[in-house]
């Protein structure tokens, strides 16, 4: 029988957003904010000292773990990842945090909308 250890890795699912860019990543709760900046560096080629990460508009402390910042496996799930804001240094100052809203999908054409079965009486039971 396969048993899982009670001390298991707590994975958090994050969306790191800046302007129109969105990065999905799944670090551990025990990773630090600084380690998360290294993940961003590997993708966007900007060093950690040129990055600021935010949760709900509040600057995150690079020495804290993601769990200490409130990112847990209960709050940052695969089907509902937590959002982390990202700002870069531009010259001597950091840019303002900006995340473009996602676009809304167009309405489905009528032929693609679900049809109301409404018990029409034409259906037969399959045996």
Protein backbone atom coordinates (compact mmCIF):
# COMPACT_ATOMS: atom_id res chain seq x y z
CA UNK A 1 0.00 0.00 0.00
CA UNK A 2 1.31 3.43 -0.92
CA UNK A 3 1.41 5.88 1.97
CA UNK A 4 2.21 9.55 1.78
CA UNK A 5 4.41 11.25 4.33
CA UNK A 6 2.56 13.86 6.38
CA UNK A 7 5.39 16.31 5.65
CA UNK A 8 5.00 16.76 1.92
CA UNK A 9 5.90 19.53 -0.46
CA UNK A 10 3.33 22.28 -0.47
CA UNK A 11 3.13 23.54 -4.03
CA UNK A 12 1.61 26.95 -4.73
CA UNK A 13 0.29 27.96 -8.12
CA UNK A 14 1.07 31.54 -9.12
CA UNK A 15 0.36 33.91 -11.98
CA UNK A 16 3.11 36.52 -12.17
CA UNK A 17 1.73 39.50 -14.10
CA UNK A 18 3.27 42.63 -15.61
CA UNK A 19 1.50 44.73 -18.25
CA UNK A 20 0.25 42.13 -20.80
CA UNK A 21 2.70 39.41 -19.72
CA UNK A 22 1.54 36.50 -17.56
CA UNK A 23 3.83 33.75 -16.27
CA UNK A 24 2.41 30.63 -14.64
CA UNK A 25 4.70 28.89 -12.15
CA UNK A 26 4.41 26.38 -9.32
CA UNK A 27 7.08 26.89 -6.64
CA UNK A 28 6.97 25.49 -3.11
CA UNK A 29 5.54 27.43 -0.16
CA UNK A 30 9.02 27.23 1.37
CA UNK A 31 10.66 29.08 -1.55
CA UNK A 32 11.61 32.67 -0.79
CA UNK A 33 10.45 35.70 -2.74
CA UNK A 34 14.09 36.07 -3.86
CA UNK A 35 13.99 32.53 -5.29
CA UNK A 36 10.78 33.45 -7.14
CA UNK A 37 12.66 36.40 -8.65
CA UNK A 38 15.22 33.91 -9.98
CA UNK A 39 12.40 32.01 -11.71
CA UNK A 40 11.38 35.29 -13.37
CA UNK A 41 15.04 35.94 -14.29
CA UNK A 42 15.21 32.60 -16.09
CA UNK A 43 12.19 33.52 -18.22
CA UNK A 44 12.38 37.29 -18.74
CA UNK A 45 16.19 37.73 -18.42
CA UNK A 46 15.97 40.51 -15.80
CA UNK A 47 18.10 40.14 -12.64
CA UNK A 48 16.38 39.98 -9.22
CA UNK A 49 17.65 43.42 -8.19
CA UNK A 50 15.72 44.91 -11.13
CA UNK A 51 12.44 43.28 -10.04
CA UNK A 52 9.78 44.09 -7.47
CA UNK A 53 7.09 41.56 -6.67
CA UNK A 54 3.75 42.51 -5.14
CA UNK A 55 0.79 40.82 -3.52
CA UNK A 56 -2.43 42.86 -3.46
CA UNK A 57 -0.40 46.01 -4.19
CA UNK A 58 1.99 45.42 -1.26
CA UNK A 59 5.72 45.00 -1.95
CA UNK A 60 6.95 41.52 -1.00
CA UNK A 61 10.04 41.08 1.20
CA UNK A 62 12.70 39.07 -0.67
CA UNK A 63 13.77 37.19 2.46
CA UNK A 64 10.32 35.85 3.35
CA UNK A 65 8.98 32.53 2.15
CA UNK A 66 5.97 32.45 -0.12
CA UNK A 67 4.03 30.81 2.72
CA UNK A 68 4.94 33.68 5.06
CA UNK A 69 3.63 36.09 2.40
CA UNK A 70 0.26 34.30 2.39
CA UNK A 71 0.73 32.05 -0.64
CA UNK A 72 -0.34 28.59 0.51
CA UNK A 73 -1.56 25.44 -1.18
CA UNK A 74 -5.05 26.42 0.03
CA UNK A 75 -4.96 29.97 -1.37
CA UNK A 76 -2.96 29.38 -4.57
CA UNK A 77 -4.50 26.36 -6.26
CA UNK A 78 -4.15 25.00 -9.81
CA UNK A 79 -7.71 26.01 -10.76
CA UNK A 80 -7.35 29.42 -9.06
CA UNK A 81 -3.72 30.55 -8.99
CA UNK A 82 -2.73 33.53 -6.85
CA UNK A 83 -1.65 36.70 -8.61
CA UNK A 84 1.77 38.26 -8.08
CA UNK A 85 2.42 41.69 -9.57
CA UNK A 86 5.79 42.39 -11.19
CA UNK A 87 7.49 45.73 -11.82
CA UNK A 88 10.93 46.37 -13.31
CA UNK A 89 13.49 49.03 -12.59
CA UNK A 90 13.65 51.65 -15.34
CA UNK A 91 16.87 53.68 -14.97
CA UNK A 92 17.05 54.80 -11.32
CA UNK A 93 13.44 54.17 -10.31
CA UNK A 94 10.98 51.32 -10.49
CA UNK A 95 8.03 51.52 -12.84
CA UNK A 96 4.54 51.65 -11.35
CA UNK A 97 2.86 48.28 -10.95
CA UNK A 98 0.57 47.72 -13.94
CA UNK A 99 -1.36 44.62 -14.98
CA UNK A 100 -3.55 44.83 -18.05
CA UNK A 101 -6.99 43.23 -17.61
CA UNK A 102 -7.61 40.00 -19.45
CA UNK A 103 -9.79 40.26 -22.53
CA UNK A 104 -13.36 38.98 -22.39
CA UNK A 105 -14.36 36.18 -24.75
CA UNK A 106 -16.86 36.93 -27.48
CA UNK A 107 -20.40 35.64 -27.09
CA UNK A 108 -20.97 32.17 -28.55
CA UNK A 109 -22.88 32.01 -31.84
CA UNK A 110 -26.40 30.57 -31.47
CA UNK A 111 -25.42 27.28 -33.15
CA UNK A 112 -22.82 26.67 -30.44
CA UNK A 113 -25.07 27.45 -27.47
CA UNK A 114 -26.50 24.47 -25.55
CA UNK A 115 -29.93 23.41 -26.73
CA UNK A 116 -32.73 23.08 -24.18
CA UNK A 117 -33.73 19.40 -24.15
CA UNK A 118 -36.88 20.24 -22.18
CA UNK A 119 -38.22 16.66 -22.26
CA UNK A 120 -39.48 16.79 -25.85
CA UNK A 121 -40.76 13.23 -25.84
CA UNK A 122 -38.72 12.33 -28.93
CA UNK A 123 -35.96 10.81 -26.84
CA UNK A 124 -35.82 7.07 -26.34
CA UNK A 125 -34.10 5.16 -23.60
CA UNK A 126 -30.99 3.27 -24.68
CA UNK A 127 -30.97 -0.37 -23.58
